[in-house]
Amino acid sequence: MKNLHCQLSSLKSDVHFKDQLFSFIVKSLAFLFISLFFSMAVIIFFKAWPAFKEFGFSFFTNSVWDSWKQEFGALALIYGTLLSSLLALLIAVPVSIALALFLNEIAPRWLSVSLGFIVEMLAAIPSIVYGLWGLFILAPFLREHVQPFLSLHFGGLPLFSGPYYGIGMMCAGLILAIMIIPTISSLCKEVFRAVPHANKEAVLSLGTTRWEMFKVAILKGGMSGIIGAIVLGFGRAFGETMAVTMVIGNKVGLSSSLFAPSQTMASVLATQYAEADTRLHLASLTAAGFTLFIVSLLFNSLSILFLWKMKKNIKT
């Protein structure tokens, strides 16, 4: 009996030690991740400090980016980044939600499985391949067919005014939309699949149509998951570099036209960082990267806060 008691005590102490070891490892990894996050922010900020010191707040309000005159402002870059990402979301979100509904609720199983696999495989294509396809296929198609039509019928609107080249903000927005559709649709499909079947039957039992059931039981019930998918898609579009660099035109400036070439914070880093020959130019590029970091952080934080408030309202 005494030996059995000793064995049980030894076993308990061994389990207790393993629990403590596992807890220590998890806490250490969490602390390491937080430390890495803040160290990245601090290092990038200090590398960008000469630009912030030189230009002050005007770095964010000035749209001139001229390496010859050593004058740098990130307003046009921020504008190009936000506009291309929002344009991509405007195109991708309805398509992704409709695709997820079709695959989950309408399509037969054989089609849902095969088409869903193809859509998910699109997310594995390297961005450089999207950029080449956009440069050689999409941009000429837009220049020869889509943009002349828009210019002819809607040229009076600022969005479709001016000369068209194929490459530009419209092409970049379309490329980003194609790139984020697999991400958003895959996540939305999993969210819709998690909706209990009893909820759908309950809504249908009230005499609603199938489309009204989609709206009430699936879209409304999975709204927080849909917003989460949109946030992830926005993050992918916001920081995309190579594909956008190849099709956006890489011209710094503010223009309301979707036909005009533009530039994003990521694309200016890709095109100019290796060629920066002065300390101020290098610091300004790093400041643009720091701005990209901060804007992404703010958007994700606001999205998380919005989701938290939405869940709180649902519970109350």
C-alpha atoms as a PDB file:
ATOM      1  CA  MET A   1       0.000   0.000   0.000  1.00  0.00           C
ATOM      2  CA  LYS A   2       2.845   2.294   0.834  1.00  0.00           C
ATOM      3  CA  ASN A   3       4.535   1.517  -2.494  1.00  0.00           C
ATOM      4  CA  LEU A   4       1.300   2.258  -4.352  1.00  0.00           C
ATOM      5  CA  HIS A   5       1.002   5.575  -2.552  1.00  0.00           C
ATOM      6  CA  CYS A   6       4.585   6.465  -3.513  1.00  0.00           C
ATOM      7  CA  GLN A   7       3.940   5.549  -7.133  1.00  0.00           C
ATOM      8  CA  LEU A   8       0.807   7.724  -7.253  1.00  0.00           C
ATOM      9  CA  SER A   9       2.688  10.628  -5.685  1.00  0.00           C
ATOM     10  CA  SER A  10       5.504  10.231  -8.186  1.00  0.00           C
ATOM     11  CA  LEU A  11       3.002  10.121 -11.060  1.00  0.00           C
ATOM     12  CA  LYS A  12       1.222  13.252  -9.808  1.00  0.00           C
ATOM     13  CA  SER A  13       4.490  15.142  -9.441  1.00  0.00           C
ATOM     14  CA  ASP A  14       5.525  14.060 -12.947  1.00  0.00           C
ATOM     15  CA  VAL A  15       2.209  15.252 -14.423  1.00  0.00           C
ATOM     16  CA  HIS A  16       2.479  18.466 -12.428  1.00  0.00           C
ATOM     17  CA  PHE A  17       6.002  19.047 -13.757  1.00  0.00           C
ATOM     18  CA  LYS A  18       4.858  18.470 -17.363  1.00  0.00           C
ATOM     19  CA  ASP A  19       1.967  20.896 -16.893  1.00  0.00           C
ATOM     20  CA  GLN A  20       4.337  23.502 -15.523  1.00  0.00           C
ATOM     21  CA  LEU A  21       6.777  22.916 -18.376  1.00  0.00           C
ATOM     22  CA  PHE A  22       4.015  23.234 -20.974  1.00  0.00           C
ATOM     23  CA  SER A  23       2.707  26.407 -19.315  1.00  0.00           C
ATOM     24  CA  PHE A  24       6.224  27.882 -19.256  1.00  0.00           C
ATOM     25  CA  ILE A  25       6.766  27.103 -22.968  1.00  0.00           C
ATOM     26  CA  VAL A  26       3.426  28.615 -24.002  1.00  0.00           C
ATOM     27  CA  LYS A  27       3.981  31.767 -21.927  1.00  0.00           C
ATOM     28  CA  SER A  28       7.515  32.122 -23.273  1.00  0.00           C
ATOM     29  CA  LEU A  29       6.332  31.835 -26.880  1.00  0.00           C
ATOM     30  CA  ALA A  30       3.574  34.379 -26.251  1.00  0.00           C
ATOM     31  CA  PHE A  31       6.046  36.769 -24.634  1.00  0.00           C
ATOM     32  CA  LEU A  32       8.509  36.195 -27.505  1.00  0.00           C
ATOM     33  CA  PHE A  33       5.823  37.046 -30.070  1.00  0.00           C
ATOM     34  CA  ILE A  34       4.845  40.235 -28.229  1.00  0.00           C
ATOM     35  CA  SER A  35       8.506  41.226 -27.846  1.00  0.00           C
ATOM     36  CA  LEU A  36       9.119  40.579 -31.550  1.00  0.00           C
ATOM     37  CA  PHE A  37       6.124  42.703 -32.485  1.00  0.00           C
ATOM     38  CA  PHE A  38       7.223  45.690 -30.414  1.00  0.00           C
ATOM     39  CA  SER A  39      10.889  45.324 -31.388  1.00  0.00           C
ATOM     40  CA  MET A  40       9.909  45.441 -35.067  1.00  0.00           C
ATOM     41  CA  ALA A  41       7.905  48.617 -34.499  1.00  0.00           C
ATOM     42  CA  VAL A  42      10.704  50.269 -32.505  1.00  0.00           C
ATOM     43  CA  ILE A  43      13.453  49.356 -34.987  1.00  0.00           C
ATOM     44  CA  ILE A  44      11.468  50.536 -38.016  1.00  0.00           C
ATOM     45  CA  PHE A  45      10.537  53.759 -36.224  1.00  0.00           C
ATOM     46  CA  PHE A  46      14.144  54.621 -35.366  1.00  0.00           C
ATOM     47  CA  LYS A  47      15.235  53.837 -38.934  1.00  0.00           C
ATOM     48  CA  ALA A  48      12.494  56.205 -40.154  1.00  0.00           C
ATOM     49  CA  TRP A  49      13.166  58.902 -37.555  1.00  0.00           C
ATOM     50  CA  PRO A  50      15.396  61.100 -39.823  1.00  0.00           C
ATOM     51  CA  ALA A  51      12.462  61.487 -42.249  1.00  0.00           C
ATOM     52  CA  PHE A  52       9.972  62.273 -39.482  1.00  0.00           C
ATOM     53  CA  LYS A  53      12.450  64.741 -37.994  1.00  0.00           C
ATOM     54  CA  GLU A  54      13.055  66.427 -41.353  1.00  0.00           C
ATOM     55  CA  PHE A  55       9.468  66.705 -42.590  1.00  0.00           C
ATOM     56  CA  GLY A  56       7.401  66.419 -39.410  1.00  0.00           C
ATOM     57  CA  PHE A  57       3.679  65.892 -39.825  1.00  0.00           C
ATOM     58  CA  SER A  58       3.886  67.229 -43.386  1.00  0.00           C
ATOM     59  CA  PHE A  59       5.231  63.803 -44.346  1.00  0.00           C
ATOM     60  CA  PHE A  60       1.622  62.588 -44.126  1.00  0.00           C
ATOM     61  CA  THR A  61       0.032  65.638 -45.780  1.00  0.00           C
ATOM     62  CA  ASN A  62       2.451  66.210 -48.652  1.00  0.00           C
ATOM     63  CA  SER A  63       1.867  64.291 -51.892  1.00  0.00           C
ATOM     64  CA  VAL A  64       5.250  65.109 -53.502  1.00  0.00           C
ATOM     65  CA  TRP A  65       7.758  62.243 -53.675  1.00  0.00           C
ATOM     66  CA  ASP A  66      10.857  63.514 -55.482  1.00  0.00           C
ATOM     67  CA  SER A  67      14.210  61.856 -54.834  1.00  0.00           C
ATOM     68  CA  TRP A  68      16.076  64.483 -56.901  1.00  0.00           C
ATOM     69  CA  LYS A  69      14.840  67.368 -54.768  1.00  0.00           C
ATOM     70  CA  GLN A  70      14.960  65.239 -51.604  1.00  0.00           C
ATOM     71  CA  GLU A  71      11.327  66.046 -50.875  1.00  0.00           C
ATOM     72  CA  PHE A  72       9.188  63.191 -49.667  1.00  0.00           C
ATOM     73  CA  GLY A  73       5.541  62.979 -48.676  1.00  0.00           C
ATOM     74  CA  ALA A  74       3.432  59.859 -48.194  1.00  0.00           C
ATOM     75  CA  LEU A  75      -0.070  61.254 -48.822  1.00  0.00           C
ATOM     76  CA  ALA A  76      -0.268  59.984 -52.408  1.00  0.00           C
ATOM     77  CA  LEU A  77       1.103  56.598 -51.329  1.00  0.00           C
ATOM     78  CA  ILE A  78      -1.446  56.277 -48.532  1.00  0.00           C
ATOM     79  CA  TYR A  79      -4.200  57.306 -50.929  1.00  0.00           C
ATOM     80  CA  GLY A  80      -3.117  54.760 -53.535  1.00  0.00           C
ATOM     81  CA  THR A  81      -2.871  51.987 -50.945  1.00  0.00           C
ATOM     82  CA  LEU A  82      -6.299  52.654 -49.447  1.00  0.00           C
ATOM     83  CA  LEU A  83      -8.034  53.186 -52.788  1.00  0.00           C
ATOM     84  CA  SER A  84      -6.657  50.010 -54.392  1.00  0.00           C
ATOM     85  CA  SER A  85      -7.526  47.934 -51.306  1.00  0.00           C
ATOM     86  CA  LEU A  86     -11.045  49.359 -50.983  1.00  0.00           C
ATOM     87  CA  LEU A  87     -11.656  48.896 -54.713  1.00  0.00           C
ATOM     88  CA  ALA A  88     -10.570  45.271 -54.362  1.00  0.00           C
ATOM     89  CA  LEU A  89     -12.944  44.770 -51.421  1.00  0.00           C
ATOM     90  CA  LEU A  90     -15.794  46.416 -53.310  1.00  0.00           C
ATOM     91  CA  ILE A  91     -15.390  43.855 -56.089  1.00  0.00           C
ATOM     92  CA  ALA A  92     -14.344  40.803 -54.088  1.00  0.00           C
ATOM     93  CA  VAL A  93     -16.754  40.841 -51.130  1.00  0.00           C
ATOM     94  CA  PRO A  94     -20.060  40.372 -53.045  1.00  0.00           C
ATOM     95  CA  VAL A  95     -18.468  37.804 -55.364  1.00  0.00           C
ATOM     96  CA  SER A  96     -16.933  35.893 -52.447  1.00  0.00           C
ATOM     97  CA  ILE A  97     -20.140  35.802 -50.405  1.00  0.00           C
ATOM     98  CA  ALA A  98     -22.190  34.719 -53.431  1.00  0.00           C
ATOM     99  CA  LEU A  99     -19.616  32.041 -54.275  1.00  0.00           C
ATOM    100  CA  ALA A 100     -19.607  30.751 -50.694  1.00  0.00           C
ATOM    101  CA  LEU A 101     -23.423  30.582 -50.643  1.00  0.00           C
ATOM    102  CA  PHE A 102     -23.478  28.766 -53.965  1.00  0.00           C
ATOM    103  CA  LEU A 103     -20.876  26.196 -52.915  1.00  0.00           C
ATOM    104  CA  ASN A 104     -22.434  25.614 -49.501  1.00  0.00           C
ATOM    105  CA  GLU A 105     -26.183  25.795 -50.158  1.00  0.00           C
ATOM    106  CA  ILE A 106     -27.012  25.489 -53.866  1.00  0.00           C
ATOM    107  CA  ALA A 107     -24.411  23.500 -55.807  1.00  0.00           C
ATOM    108  CA  PRO A 108     -24.548  19.682 -55.814  1.00  0.00           C
ATOM    109  CA  ARG A 109     -21.870  17.996 -53.742  1.00  0.00           C
ATOM    110  CA  TRP A 110     -19.670  16.908 -56.670  1.00  0.00           C
ATOM    111  CA  LEU A 111     -19.590  20.440 -58.051  1.00  0.00           C
ATOM    112  CA  SER A 112     -19.145  22.025 -54.613  1.00  0.00           C
ATOM    113  CA  VAL A 113     -16.127  19.844 -53.810  1.00  0.00           C
ATOM    114  CA  SER A 114     -14.395  20.254 -57.169  1.00  0.00           C
ATOM    115  CA  LEU A 115     -15.094  23.967 -57.578  1.00  0.00           C
ATOM    116  CA  GLY A 116     -14.222  24.677 -53.933  1.00  0.00           C
ATOM    117  CA  PHE A 117     -10.880  22.921 -54.419  1.00  0.00           C
ATOM    118  CA  ILE A 118     -10.135  25.038 -57.494  1.00  0.00           C
ATOM    119  CA  VAL A 119     -11.018  28.253 -55.672  1.00  0.00           C
ATOM    120  CA  GLU A 120      -8.788  27.357 -52.722  1.00  0.00           C
ATOM    121  CA  MET A 121      -5.938  26.498 -55.085  1.00  0.00           C
ATOM    122  CA  LEU A 122      -6.066  30.051 -56.452  1.00  0.00           C
ATOM    123  CA  ALA A 123      -4.771  31.257 -53.082  1.00  0.00           C
ATOM    124  CA  ALA A 124      -1.598  29.193 -53.596  1.00  0.00           C
ATOM    125  CA  ILE A 125      -0.623  30.924 -56.848  1.00  0.00           C
ATOM    126  CA  PRO A 126       2.401  33.237 -56.283  1.00  0.00           C
ATOM    127  CA  SER A 127       1.670  36.941 -56.545  1.00  0.00           C
ATOM    128  CA  ILE A 128       4.284  37.366 -59.289  1.00  0.00           C
ATOM    129  CA  VAL A 129       2.187  35.070 -61.501  1.00  0.00           C
ATOM    130  CA  TYR A 130      -0.868  37.250 -60.905  1.00  0.00           C
ATOM    131  CA  GLY A 131       1.255  40.267 -61.766  1.00  0.00           C
ATOM    132  CA  LEU A 132       2.442  38.765 -65.057  1.00  0.00           C
ATOM    133  CA  TRP A 133      -1.093  37.744 -65.985  1.00  0.00           C
ATOM    134  CA  GLY A 134      -2.345  41.214 -65.147  1.00  0.00           C
ATOM    135  CA  LEU A 135       0.414  42.892 -67.139  1.00  0.00           C
ATOM    136  CA  PHE A 136       0.111  40.809 -70.314  1.00  0.00           C
ATOM    137  CA  ILE A 137      -3.564  39.753 -70.312  1.00  0.00           C
ATOM    138  CA  LEU A 138      -5.743  41.912 -68.062  1.00  0.00           C
ATOM    139  CA  ALA A 139      -4.176  45.315 -68.767  1.00  0.00           C
ATOM    140  CA  PRO A 140      -4.441  45.009 -72.602  1.00  0.00           C
ATOM    141  CA  PHE A 141      -8.017  43.752 -72.240  1.00  0.00           C
ATOM    142  CA  LEU A 142      -8.939  46.748 -70.091  1.00  0.00           C
ATOM    143  CA  ARG A 143      -7.199  49.163 -72.473  1.00  0.00           C
ATOM    144  CA  GLU A 144      -8.889  47.814 -75.604  1.00  0.00           C
ATOM    145  CA  HIS A 145     -12.378  46.902 -74.413  1.00  0.00           C
ATOM    146  CA  VAL A 146     -13.387  47.986 -70.899  1.00  0.00           C
ATOM    147  CA  GLN A 147     -11.844  51.426 -70.420  1.00  0.00           C
ATOM    148  CA  PRO A 148     -12.909  52.824 -73.845  1.00  0.00           C
ATOM    149  CA  PHE A 149     -16.488  51.795 -73.065  1.00  0.00           C
ATOM    150  CA  LEU A 150     -16.384  53.394 -69.603  1.00  0.00           C
ATOM    151  CA  SER A 151     -14.746  56.536 -70.975  1.00  0.00           C
ATOM    152  CA  LEU A 152     -17.347  56.848 -73.731  1.00  0.00           C
ATOM    153  CA  HIS A 153     -20.429  56.373 -71.544  1.00  0.00           C
ATOM    154  CA  PHE A 154     -19.245  57.597 -68.139  1.00  0.00           C
ATOM    155  CA  GLY A 155     -16.388  59.921 -69.050  1.00  0.00           C
ATOM    156  CA  GLY A 156     -18.130  62.828 -67.355  1.00  0.00           C
ATOM    157  CA  LEU A 157     -17.528  61.211 -63.969  1.00  0.00           C
ATOM    158  CA  PRO A 158     -14.157  61.843 -62.305  1.00  0.00           C
ATOM    159  CA  LEU A 159     -13.656  58.100 -61.774  1.00  0.00           C
ATOM    160  CA  PHE A 160     -13.591  57.377 -65.518  1.00  0.00           C
ATOM    161  CA  SER A 161     -12.020  60.537 -66.900  1.00  0.00           C
ATOM    162  CA  GLY A 162      -8.679  61.092 -68.580  1.00  0.00           C
ATOM    163  CA  PRO A 163      -6.541  58.935 -70.858  1.00  0.00           C
ATOM    164  CA  TYR A 164      -6.417  55.193 -70.321  1.00  0.00           C
ATOM    165  CA  TYR A 165      -3.387  52.937 -70.517  1.00  0.00           C
ATOM    166  CA  GLY A 166      -4.622  49.581 -69.226  1.00  0.00           C
ATOM    167  CA  ILE A 167      -2.254  49.648 -66.279  1.00  0.00           C
ATOM    168  CA  GLY A 168      -3.312  51.854 -63.400  1.00  0.00           C
ATOM    169  CA  MET A 169      -5.557  51.866 -60.357  1.00  0.00           C
ATOM    170  CA  MET A 170      -8.374  49.906 -62.011  1.00  0.00           C
ATOM    171  CA  CYS A 171      -6.073  47.086 -63.075  1.00  0.00           C
ATOM    172  CA  ALA A 172      -4.458  46.958 -59.625  1.00  0.00           C
ATOM    173  CA  GLY A 173      -7.851  46.833 -57.902  1.00  0.00           C
ATOM    174  CA  LEU A 174      -9.026  43.984 -60.144  1.00  0.00           C
ATOM    175  CA  ILE A 175      -5.845  41.989 -59.571  1.00  0.00           C
ATOM    176  CA  LEU A 176      -6.162  42.418 -55.810  1.00  0.00           C
ATOM    177  CA  ALA A 177      -9.830  41.426 -55.950  1.00  0.00           C
ATOM    178  CA  ILE A 178      -8.968  38.204 -57.786  1.00  0.00           C
ATOM    179  CA  MET A 179      -6.223  37.477 -55.266  1.00  0.00           C
ATOM    180  CA  ILE A 180      -8.402  37.907 -52.165  1.00  0.00           C
ATOM    181  CA  ILE A 181     -11.549  36.156 -53.450  1.00  0.00           C
ATOM    182  CA  PRO A 182     -10.202  32.679 -52.478  1.00  0.00           C
ATOM    183  CA  THR A 183      -9.398  33.850 -48.951  1.00  0.00           C
ATOM    184  CA  ILE A 184     -12.737  35.537 -48.272  1.00  0.00           C
ATOM    185  CA  SER A 185     -14.885  32.891 -49.986  1.00  0.00           C
ATOM    186  CA  SER A 186     -13.156  29.975 -48.219  1.00  0.00           C
ATOM    187  CA  LEU A 187     -13.627  31.564 -44.804  1.00  0.00           C
ATOM    188  CA  CYS A 188     -17.230  32.545 -45.561  1.00  0.00           C
ATOM    189  CA  LYS A 189     -17.958  28.994 -46.683  1.00  0.00           C
ATOM    190  CA  GLU A 190     -16.742  27.631 -43.343  1.00  0.00           C
ATOM    191  CA  VAL A 191     -18.795  30.256 -41.496  1.00  0.00           C
ATOM    192  CA  PHE A 192     -21.946  29.341 -43.433  1.00  0.00           C
ATOM    193  CA  ARG A 193     -21.296  25.653 -42.855  1.00  0.00           C
ATOM    194  CA  ALA A 194     -21.198  26.267 -39.100  1.00  0.00           C
ATOM    195  CA  VAL A 195     -24.744  27.687 -39.069  1.00  0.00           C
ATOM    196  CA  PRO A 196     -26.962  25.040 -37.403  1.00  0.00           C
ATOM    197  CA  HIS A 197     -29.344  23.252 -39.745  1.00  0.00           C
ATOM    198  CA  ALA A 198     -32.124  23.754 -37.186  1.00  0.00           C
ATOM    199  CA  ASN A 199     -31.855  27.524 -37.613  1.00  0.00           C
ATOM    200  CA  LYS A 200     -32.414  27.215 -41.360  1.00  0.00           C
ATOM    201  CA  GLU A 201     -35.408  24.922 -40.898  1.00  0.00           C
ATOM    202  CA  ALA A 202     -36.878  27.262 -38.285  1.00  0.00           C
ATOM    203  CA  VAL A 203     -36.728  30.214 -40.670  1.00  0.00           C
ATOM    204  CA  LEU A 204     -38.200  28.180 -43.540  1.00  0.00           C
ATOM    205  CA  SER A 205     -41.025  26.981 -41.274  1.00  0.00           C
ATOM    206  CA  LEU A 206     -42.183  30.587 -40.943  1.00  0.00           C
ATOM    207  CA  GLY A 207     -43.085  30.622 -44.625  1.00  0.00           C
ATOM    208  CA  THR A 208     -40.010  32.416 -45.950  1.00  0.00           C
ATOM    209  CA  THR A 209     -38.471  31.706 -49.311  1.00  0.00           C
ATOM    210  CA  ARG A 210     -35.086  30.060 -49.676  1.00  0.00           C
ATOM    211  CA  TRP A 211     -33.432  33.390 -50.480  1.00  0.00           C
ATOM    212  CA  GLU A 212     -34.975  34.995 -47.397  1.00  0.00           C
ATOM    213  CA  MET A 213     -33.621  32.085 -45.367  1.00  0.00           C
ATOM    214  CA  PHE A 214     -30.149  32.811 -46.757  1.00  0.00           C
ATOM    215  CA  LYS A 215     -30.487  36.420 -45.650  1.00  0.00           C
ATOM    216  CA  VAL A 216     -31.889  35.809 -42.161  1.00  0.00           C
ATOM    217  CA  ALA A 217     -30.350  32.537 -41.003  1.00  0.00           C
ATOM    218  CA  ILE A 218     -27.012  32.456 -42.833  1.00  0.00           C
ATOM    219  CA  LEU A 219     -25.892  35.988 -43.659  1.00  0.00           C
ATOM    220  CA  LYS A 220     -27.236  37.608 -40.496  1.00  0.00           C
ATOM    221  CA  GLY A 221     -26.190  34.726 -38.266  1.00  0.00           C
ATOM    222  CA  GLY A 222     -22.670  34.604 -39.699  1.00  0.00           C
ATOM    223  CA  MET A 223     -22.091  38.363 -39.918  1.00  0.00           C
ATOM    224  CA  SER A 224     -19.226  38.394 -37.433  1.00  0.00           C
ATOM    225  CA  GLY A 225     -17.466  35.630 -39.365  1.00  0.00           C
ATOM    226  CA  ILE A 226     -18.042  37.462 -42.649  1.00  0.00           C
ATOM    227  CA  ILE A 227     -16.485  40.618 -41.223  1.00  0.00           C
ATOM    228  CA  GLY A 228     -13.527  38.585 -39.987  1.00  0.00           C
ATOM    229  CA  ALA A 229     -13.056  37.165 -43.499  1.00  0.00           C
ATOM    230  CA  ILE A 230     -13.245  40.669 -44.986  1.00  0.00           C
ATOM    231  CA  VAL A 231     -10.597  41.890 -42.533  1.00  0.00           C
ATOM    232  CA  LEU A 232      -8.237  39.088 -43.546  1.00  0.00           C
ATOM    233  CA  GLY A 233      -8.884  39.810 -47.211  1.00  0.00           C
ATOM    234  CA  PHE A 234      -8.201  43.491 -46.649  1.00  0.00           C
ATOM    235  CA  GLY A 235      -4.940  42.642 -44.919  1.00  0.00           C
ATOM    236  CA  ARG A 236      -3.878  40.558 -47.920  1.00  0.00           C
ATOM    237  CA  ALA A 237      -4.755  43.346 -50.360  1.00  0.00           C
ATOM    238  CA  PHE A 238      -3.321  46.131 -48.206  1.00  0.00           C
ATOM    239  CA  GLY A 239       0.184  44.710 -48.044  1.00  0.00           C
ATOM    240  CA  GLU A 240       0.410  43.106 -51.493  1.00  0.00           C
ATOM    241  CA  THR A 241       3.579  44.169 -53.283  1.00  0.00           C
ATOM    242  CA  MET A 242       4.732  42.435 -56.462  1.00  0.00           C
ATOM    243  CA  ALA A 243       1.433  41.996 -58.296  1.00  0.00           C
ATOM    244  CA  VAL A 244       0.430  45.598 -57.608  1.00  0.00           C
ATOM    245  CA  THR A 245       3.872  46.922 -58.533  1.00  0.00           C
ATOM    246  CA  MET A 246       3.624  45.334 -61.983  1.00  0.00           C
ATOM    247  CA  VAL A 247       0.201  46.717 -62.935  1.00  0.00           C
ATOM    248  CA  ILE A 248      -0.396  49.974 -61.050  1.00  0.00           C
ATOM    249  CA  GLY A 249       1.883  52.166 -63.177  1.00  0.00           C
ATOM    250  CA  ASN A 250       4.189  53.345 -60.344  1.00  0.00           C
ATOM    251  CA  LYS A 251       3.553  57.067 -60.687  1.00  0.00           C
ATOM    252  CA  VAL A 252       3.254  59.037 -57.465  1.00  0.00           C
ATOM    253  CA  GLY A 253       0.356  61.473 -57.522  1.00  0.00           C
ATOM    254  CA  LEU A 254      -3.209  62.118 -56.474  1.00  0.00           C
ATOM    255  CA  SER A 255      -5.851  61.397 -59.092  1.00  0.00           C
ATOM    256  CA  SER A 256      -9.548  60.675 -58.806  1.00  0.00           C
ATOM    257  CA  SER A 257      -9.528  58.673 -62.047  1.00  0.00           C
ATOM    258  CA  LEU A 258      -9.291  54.895 -61.901  1.00  0.00           C
ATOM    259  CA  PHE A 259      -7.513  54.979 -65.266  1.00  0.00           C
ATOM    260  CA  ALA A 260      -4.545  56.945 -63.936  1.00  0.00           C
ATOM    261  CA  PRO A 261      -1.297  55.260 -62.857  1.00  0.00           C
ATOM    262  CA  SER A 262      -0.646  55.398 -59.145  1.00  0.00           C
ATOM    263  CA  GLN A 263       1.553  53.892 -56.456  1.00  0.00           C
ATOM    264  CA  THR A 264       1.150  52.257 -53.072  1.00  0.00           C
ATOM    265  CA  MET A 265       3.350  52.209 -49.998  1.00  0.00           C
ATOM    266  CA  ALA A 266       4.324  48.607 -50.708  1.00  0.00           C
ATOM    267  CA  SER A 267       5.075  49.206 -54.387  1.00  0.00           C
ATOM    268  CA  VAL A 268       7.304  52.238 -53.720  1.00  0.00           C
ATOM    269  CA  LEU A 269       9.313  50.128 -51.277  1.00  0.00           C
ATOM    270  CA  ALA A 270       9.717  47.402 -53.903  1.00  0.00           C
ATOM    271  CA  THR A 271      10.798  49.768 -56.673  1.00  0.00           C
ATOM    272  CA  GLN A 272      13.003  52.262 -54.810  1.00  0.00           C
ATOM    273  CA  TYR A 273      14.458  50.671 -51.670  1.00  0.00           C
ATOM    274  CA  ALA A 274      17.396  49.012 -53.459  1.00  0.00           C
ATOM    275  CA  GLU A 275      18.168  52.247 -55.345  1.00  0.00           C
ATOM    276  CA  ALA A 276      17.967  54.682 -52.408  1.00  0.00           C
ATOM    277  CA  ASP A 277      21.337  56.480 -52.436  1.00  0.00           C
ATOM    278  CA  THR A 278      20.836  59.061 -49.677  1.00  0.00           C
ATOM    279  CA  ARG A 279      20.138  58.725 -45.982  1.00  0.00           C
ATOM    280  CA  LEU A 280      16.981  60.847 -46.219  1.00  0.00           C
ATOM    281  CA  HIS A 281      15.590  58.821 -49.125  1.00  0.00           C
ATOM    282  CA  LEU A 282      16.190  55.551 -47.274  1.00  0.00           C
ATOM    283  CA  ALA A 283      14.635  56.966 -44.102  1.00  0.00           C
ATOM    284  CA  SER A 284      11.614  58.202 -46.056  1.00  0.00           C
ATOM    285  CA  LEU A 285      11.065  54.751 -47.563  1.00  0.00           C
ATOM    286  CA  THR A 286      11.324  53.230 -44.102  1.00  0.00           C
ATOM    287  CA  ALA A 287       8.846  55.837 -42.865  1.00  0.00           C
ATOM    288  CA  ALA A 288       6.448  54.733 -45.595  1.00  0.00           C
ATOM    289  CA  GLY A 289       6.864  51.153 -44.389  1.00  0.00           C
ATOM    290  CA  PHE A 290       6.230  52.251 -40.801  1.00  0.00           C
ATOM    291  CA  THR A 291       3.084  54.074 -41.958  1.00  0.00           C
ATOM    292  CA  LEU A 292       1.922  50.895 -43.702  1.00  0.00           C
ATOM    293  CA  PHE A 293       2.529  48.993 -40.475  1.00  0.00           C
ATOM    294  CA  ILE A 294       0.587  51.486 -38.342  1.00  0.00           C
ATOM    295  CA  VAL A 295      -2.375  51.803 -40.722  1.00  0.00           C
ATOM    296  CA  SER A 296      -2.704  48.009 -40.913  1.00  0.00           C
ATOM    297  CA  LEU A 297      -2.557  47.790 -37.119  1.00  0.00           C
ATOM    298  CA  LEU A 298      -5.208  50.498 -36.692  1.00  0.00           C
ATOM    299  CA  PHE A 299      -7.561  48.906 -39.211  1.00  0.00           C
ATOM    300  CA  ASN A 300      -7.270  45.463 -37.632  1.00  0.00           C
ATOM    301  CA  SER A 301      -7.731  46.924 -34.147  1.00  0.00           C
ATOM    302  CA  LEU A 302     -10.859  48.802 -35.211  1.00  0.00           C
ATOM    303  CA  SER A 303     -12.200  45.651 -36.861  1.00  0.00           C
ATOM    304  CA  ILE A 304     -11.622  43.600 -33.703  1.00  0.00           C
ATOM    305  CA  LEU A 305     -13.341  46.311 -31.629  1.00  0.00           C
ATOM    306  CA  PHE A 306     -16.284  46.324 -34.040  1.00  0.00           C
ATOM    307  CA  LEU A 307     -16.595  42.527 -33.821  1.00  0.00           C
ATOM    308  CA  TRP A 308     -16.404  42.668 -30.028  1.00  0.00           C
ATOM    309  CA  LYS A 309     -19.195  45.230 -29.860  1.00  0.00           C
ATOM    310  CA  MET A 310     -21.296  43.225 -32.300  1.00  0.00           C
ATOM    311  CA  LYS A 311     -20.941  40.044 -30.226  1.00  0.00           C
ATOM    312  CA  LYS A 312     -21.766  42.015 -27.079  1.00  0.00           C
ATOM    313  CA  ASN A 313     -24.944  43.401 -28.669  1.00  0.00           C
ATOM    314  CA  ILE A 314     -25.962  39.920 -29.809  1.00  0.00           C
ATOM    315  CA  LYS A 315     -25.562  38.516 -26.269  1.00  0.00           C
ATOM    316  CA  THR A 316     -27.561  41.353 -24.722  1.00  0.00           C
END
